[in-house]
Amino acid sequence: MNDQNKKTLNVTEIQEILPHRPPFLLIDRVIDTDKKTYVVAIKNVTMNEPFFTGHFPGAPIMPGVLIVEAMAQAAAIVVMINPDNRNKIPYFMSIDKVKFRKPVVPGDQLQIRIDLTRMRETTGRAQAVATVNGQVVTEAIIGFIAAPAPQGE
């Protein structure tokens, strides 16, 4: 991410920001961000997702908890893109007012909009809205913390 004015991120650049890795990395691309208050991210939902094997055979639907996790990862991007948070780990703290409005199925492109509503030094809240083809499928208020990374081996 050399360009400070760049408003998009590919999956390699996302992996420079988030600790998540496939198959649990649920964000494929960032299509817009101001790197401070909002992010718009994409999750391409394909039949190759491992969860479709059991959810549900013959009628695959993306689990709601994974849509919420994708929202949390998108929120983590807007927080972790700040250089002050680069040596921290984003943790999901809370979720409020979740509404699932429509199912997400293979072939859908989930577009996730995160708007920070409050950000303190290490904790914050964000409004999250996920859409498919312009129709709201899920919305929530997400709480998170950017905590010091554990010291590893």
C-alpha atoms as a PDB file:
ATOM      1  CA  MET A   1       0.000   0.000   0.000  1.00  0.00           C
ATOM      2  CA  ASN A   2       2.446   2.573  -1.135  1.00  0.00           C
ATOM      3  CA  ASP A   3      -0.042   5.135  -2.460  1.00  0.00           C
ATOM      4  CA  GLN A   4      -1.525   7.178   0.420  1.00  0.00           C
ATOM      5  CA  ASN A   5      -4.389   8.384  -1.816  1.00  0.00           C
ATOM      6  CA  LYS A   6      -5.324   4.885  -3.008  1.00  0.00           C
ATOM      7  CA  LYS A   7      -8.987   4.129  -2.279  1.00  0.00           C
ATOM      8  CA  THR A   8      -8.968   0.429  -3.228  1.00  0.00           C
ATOM      9  CA  LEU A   9      -7.194  -2.639  -1.866  1.00  0.00           C
ATOM     10  CA  ASN A  10      -6.693  -6.049  -3.422  1.00  0.00           C
ATOM     11  CA  VAL A  11      -6.617  -9.258  -1.393  1.00  0.00           C
ATOM     12  CA  THR A  12      -2.820  -9.163  -0.976  1.00  0.00           C
ATOM     13  CA  GLU A  13      -3.019  -5.645   0.466  1.00  0.00           C
ATOM     14  CA  ILE A  14      -5.883  -6.721   2.733  1.00  0.00           C
ATOM     15  CA  GLN A  15      -3.674  -9.517   4.084  1.00  0.00           C
ATOM     16  CA  GLU A  16      -1.045  -6.887   4.938  1.00  0.00           C
ATOM     17  CA  ILE A  17      -3.664  -5.278   7.220  1.00  0.00           C
ATOM     18  CA  LEU A  18      -5.703  -8.180   8.631  1.00  0.00           C
ATOM     19  CA  PRO A  19      -4.382 -11.292  10.378  1.00  0.00           C
ATOM     20  CA  HIS A  20      -7.140 -13.478   8.815  1.00  0.00           C
ATOM     21  CA  ARG A  21      -6.226 -16.004   6.124  1.00  0.00           C
ATOM     22  CA  PRO A  22      -8.230 -18.249   3.799  1.00  0.00           C
ATOM     23  CA  PRO A  23     -10.549 -19.954   4.282  1.00  0.00           C
ATOM     24  CA  PHE A  24     -11.493 -17.532   7.065  1.00  0.00           C
ATOM     25  CA  LEU A  25     -10.568 -14.314   5.251  1.00  0.00           C
ATOM     26  CA  LEU A  26     -13.998 -13.181   4.086  1.00  0.00           C
ATOM     27  CA  ILE A  27     -13.085  -9.959   2.277  1.00  0.00           C
ATOM     28  CA  ASP A  28     -11.910 -10.186  -1.344  1.00  0.00           C
ATOM     29  CA  ARG A  29     -11.473  -6.501  -2.181  1.00  0.00           C
ATOM     30  CA  VAL A  30     -11.919  -2.997  -0.847  1.00  0.00           C
ATOM     31  CA  ILE A  31     -13.519  -0.827  -3.517  1.00  0.00           C
ATOM     32  CA  ASP A  32     -13.588   2.474  -1.591  1.00  0.00           C
ATOM     33  CA  THR A  33     -12.249   3.941   1.643  1.00  0.00           C
ATOM     34  CA  ASP A  34     -11.113   7.235   3.080  1.00  0.00           C
ATOM     35  CA  LYS A  35      -8.808   5.230   5.419  1.00  0.00           C
ATOM     36  CA  LYS A  36     -10.329   6.954   8.469  1.00  0.00           C
ATOM     37  CA  THR A  37     -14.113   6.734   8.727  1.00  0.00           C
ATOM     38  CA  TYR A  38     -15.516   4.300   6.157  1.00  0.00           C
ATOM     39  CA  VAL A  39     -14.802   1.328   3.940  1.00  0.00           C
ATOM     40  CA  VAL A  40     -16.741  -0.436   1.190  1.00  0.00           C
ATOM     41  CA  ALA A  41     -15.649  -4.045   0.751  1.00  0.00           C
ATOM     42  CA  ILE A  42     -16.609  -6.984  -1.442  1.00  0.00           C
ATOM     43  CA  LYS A  43     -17.070 -10.682  -0.658  1.00  0.00           C
ATOM     44  CA  ASN A  44     -17.640 -12.825  -3.734  1.00  0.00           C
ATOM     45  CA  VAL A  45     -19.809 -15.737  -2.660  1.00  0.00           C
ATOM     46  CA  THR A  46     -19.065 -18.889  -4.660  1.00  0.00           C
ATOM     47  CA  MET A  47     -20.287 -22.474  -4.497  1.00  0.00           C
ATOM     48  CA  ASN A  48     -16.683 -23.407  -3.609  1.00  0.00           C
ATOM     49  CA  GLU A  49     -17.116 -22.030  -0.064  1.00  0.00           C
ATOM     50  CA  PRO A  50     -16.571 -24.927   2.372  1.00  0.00           C
ATOM     51  CA  PHE A  51     -19.624 -24.014   4.481  1.00  0.00           C
ATOM     52  CA  PHE A  52     -22.045 -24.701   1.606  1.00  0.00           C
ATOM     53  CA  THR A  53     -21.356 -28.442   1.950  1.00  0.00           C
ATOM     54  CA  GLY A  54     -23.549 -28.531   5.040  1.00  0.00           C
ATOM     55  CA  HIS A  55     -25.500 -25.246   4.934  1.00  0.00           C
ATOM     56  CA  PHE A  56     -27.704 -26.480   3.312  1.00  0.00           C
ATOM     57  CA  PRO A  57     -27.341 -29.393   0.856  1.00  0.00           C
ATOM     58  CA  GLY A  58     -29.591 -28.694  -2.104  1.00  0.00           C
ATOM     59  CA  ALA A  59     -30.401 -25.147  -0.931  1.00  0.00           C
ATOM     60  CA  PRO A  60     -27.087 -23.404  -0.123  1.00  0.00           C
ATOM     61  CA  ILE A  61     -27.341 -20.223   1.984  1.00  0.00           C
ATOM     62  CA  MET A  62     -24.398 -18.291   3.446  1.00  0.00           C
ATOM     63  CA  PRO A  63     -24.612 -18.571   7.246  1.00  0.00           C
ATOM     64  CA  GLY A  64     -25.652 -15.309   8.880  1.00  0.00           C
ATOM     65  CA  VAL A  65     -22.804 -15.528  11.363  1.00  0.00           C
ATOM     66  CA  LEU A  66     -20.337 -15.506   8.453  1.00  0.00           C
ATOM     67  CA  ILE A  67     -22.002 -12.442   6.936  1.00  0.00           C
ATOM     68  CA  VAL A  68     -21.574 -10.752  10.327  1.00  0.00           C
ATOM     69  CA  GLU A  69     -17.939 -11.939  10.443  1.00  0.00           C
ATOM     70  CA  ALA A  70     -17.343 -10.428   6.990  1.00  0.00           C
ATOM     71  CA  MET A  71     -18.791  -7.172   8.323  1.00  0.00           C
ATOM     72  CA  ALA A  72     -16.459  -7.345  11.332  1.00  0.00           C
ATOM     73  CA  GLN A  73     -13.461  -7.959   9.052  1.00  0.00           C
ATOM     74  CA  ALA A  74     -14.426  -4.964   6.915  1.00  0.00           C
ATOM     75  CA  ALA A  75     -14.695  -2.850  10.081  1.00  0.00           C
ATOM     76  CA  ALA A  76     -11.276  -4.129  11.145  1.00  0.00           C
ATOM     77  CA  ILE A  77      -9.816  -2.924   7.839  1.00  0.00           C
ATOM     78  CA  VAL A  78     -10.897   0.677   8.397  1.00  0.00           C
ATOM     79  CA  VAL A  79      -9.404   0.560  11.913  1.00  0.00           C
ATOM     80  CA  MET A  80      -6.231  -1.395  11.128  1.00  0.00           C
ATOM     81  CA  ILE A  81      -5.374   0.671   8.038  1.00  0.00           C
ATOM     82  CA  ASN A  82      -4.328   3.403  10.495  1.00  0.00           C
ATOM     83  CA  PRO A  83      -0.535   3.074  10.921  1.00  0.00           C
ATOM     84  CA  ASP A  84      -0.935   3.593  14.706  1.00  0.00           C
ATOM     85  CA  ASN A  85      -2.783   0.265  14.870  1.00  0.00           C
ATOM     86  CA  ARG A  86      -0.447  -1.809  12.687  1.00  0.00           C
ATOM     87  CA  ASN A  87       1.042  -3.826  15.567  1.00  0.00           C
ATOM     88  CA  LYS A  88      -2.355  -4.619  17.038  1.00  0.00           C
ATOM     89  CA  ILE A  89      -4.953  -7.323  16.528  1.00  0.00           C
ATOM     90  CA  PRO A  90      -8.595  -6.416  15.812  1.00  0.00           C
ATOM     91  CA  TYR A  91     -11.111  -8.166  18.064  1.00  0.00           C
ATOM     92  CA  PHE A  92     -14.856  -8.268  17.610  1.00  0.00           C
ATOM     93  CA  MET A  93     -16.385  -7.035  20.927  1.00  0.00           C
ATOM     94  CA  SER A  94     -20.112  -6.718  20.337  1.00  0.00           C
ATOM     95  CA  ILE A  95     -22.924  -6.804  17.836  1.00  0.00           C
ATOM     96  CA  ASP A  96     -26.233  -5.016  18.224  1.00  0.00           C
ATOM     97  CA  LYS A  97     -29.420  -4.590  16.240  1.00  0.00           C
ATOM     98  CA  VAL A  98     -28.596  -7.320  13.723  1.00  0.00           C
ATOM     99  CA  LYS A  99     -31.201  -7.837  11.048  1.00  0.00           C
ATOM    100  CA  PHE A 100     -31.064 -10.478   8.336  1.00  0.00           C
ATOM    101  CA  ARG A 101     -33.345  -9.347   5.519  1.00  0.00           C
ATOM    102  CA  LYS A 102     -32.586 -11.682   2.589  1.00  0.00           C
ATOM    103  CA  PRO A 103     -30.558 -14.866   2.093  1.00  0.00           C
ATOM    104  CA  VAL A 104     -27.122 -14.754   0.465  1.00  0.00           C
ATOM    105  CA  VAL A 105     -26.519 -17.563  -2.019  1.00  0.00           C
ATOM    106  CA  PRO A 106     -23.722 -18.777  -4.316  1.00  0.00           C
ATOM    107  CA  GLY A 107     -23.143 -16.310  -7.151  1.00  0.00           C
ATOM    108  CA  ASP A 108     -24.004 -13.271  -5.024  1.00  0.00           C
ATOM    109  CA  GLN A 109     -21.545 -10.449  -4.519  1.00  0.00           C
ATOM    110  CA  LEU A 110     -21.836  -9.130  -0.994  1.00  0.00           C
ATOM    111  CA  GLN A 111     -21.021  -5.420  -0.766  1.00  0.00           C
ATOM    112  CA  ILE A 112     -20.311  -4.285   2.787  1.00  0.00           C
ATOM    113  CA  ARG A 113     -20.357  -0.635   3.860  1.00  0.00           C
ATOM    114  CA  ILE A 114     -18.819   0.223   7.233  1.00  0.00           C
ATOM    115  CA  ASP A 115     -19.160   3.699   8.727  1.00  0.00           C
ATOM    116  CA  LEU A 116     -17.337   4.350  11.993  1.00  0.00           C
ATOM    117  CA  THR A 117     -19.725   6.026  14.407  1.00  0.00           C
ATOM    118  CA  ARG A 118     -17.324   6.237  17.333  1.00  0.00           C
ATOM    119  CA  MET A 119     -13.590   5.674  17.606  1.00  0.00           C
ATOM    120  CA  ARG A 120     -11.552   6.119  20.735  1.00  0.00           C
ATOM    121  CA  GLU A 121      -7.909   5.221  21.128  1.00  0.00           C
ATOM    122  CA  THR A 122      -8.410   1.459  20.769  1.00  0.00           C
ATOM    123  CA  THR A 123     -12.169   0.825  20.807  1.00  0.00           C
ATOM    124  CA  GLY A 124     -14.942   1.789  18.476  1.00  0.00           C
ATOM    125  CA  ARG A 125     -18.357   1.200  16.990  1.00  0.00           C
ATOM    126  CA  ALA A 126     -19.508   1.076  13.401  1.00  0.00           C
ATOM    127  CA  GLN A 127     -22.699   0.908  11.397  1.00  0.00           C
ATOM    128  CA  ALA A 128     -22.499  -2.056   8.999  1.00  0.00           C
ATOM    129  CA  VAL A 129     -24.752  -2.672   6.011  1.00  0.00           C
ATOM    130  CA  ALA A 130     -24.384  -5.565   3.574  1.00  0.00           C
ATOM    131  CA  THR A 131     -26.145  -5.480   0.215  1.00  0.00           C
ATOM    132  CA  VAL A 132     -26.523  -7.703  -2.839  1.00  0.00           C
ATOM    133  CA  ASN A 133     -27.452  -5.927  -6.074  1.00  0.00           C
ATOM    134  CA  GLY A 134     -28.319  -2.804  -4.082  1.00  0.00           C
ATOM    135  CA  GLN A 135     -30.747  -4.629  -1.754  1.00  0.00           C
ATOM    136  CA  VAL A 136     -29.971  -4.738   1.977  1.00  0.00           C
ATOM    137  CA  VAL A 137     -29.390  -8.315   3.150  1.00  0.00           C
ATOM    138  CA  THR A 138     -27.925  -7.690   6.611  1.00  0.00           C
ATOM    139  CA  GLU A 139     -27.334  -4.717   8.889  1.00  0.00           C
ATOM    140  CA  ALA A 140     -25.800  -4.367  12.338  1.00  0.00           C
ATOM    141  CA  ILE A 141     -23.914  -2.180  14.767  1.00  0.00           C
ATOM    142  CA  ILE A 142     -20.476  -3.638  15.475  1.00  0.00           C
ATOM    143  CA  GLY A 143     -18.212  -2.957  18.457  1.00  0.00           C
ATOM    144  CA  PHE A 144     -14.487  -3.725  18.305  1.00  0.00           C
ATOM    145  CA  ILE A 145     -11.116  -3.229  19.942  1.00  0.00           C
ATOM    146  CA  ALA A 146      -7.609  -2.975  18.504  1.00  0.00           C
ATOM    147  CA  ALA A 147      -5.523  -4.752  21.165  1.00  0.00           C
ATOM    148  CA  PRO A 148      -1.777  -5.297  21.387  1.00  0.00           C
ATOM    149  CA  ALA A 149      -0.719  -8.317  19.388  1.00  0.00           C
ATOM    150  CA  PRO A 150       0.278 -11.321  21.508  1.00  0.00           C
ATOM    151  CA  GLN A 151       4.005 -11.872  21.635  1.00  0.00           C
ATOM    152  CA  GLY A 152       4.710 -15.070  19.710  1.00  0.00           C
ATOM    153  CA  GLU A 153       7.548 -17.465  19.248  1.00  0.00           C
END
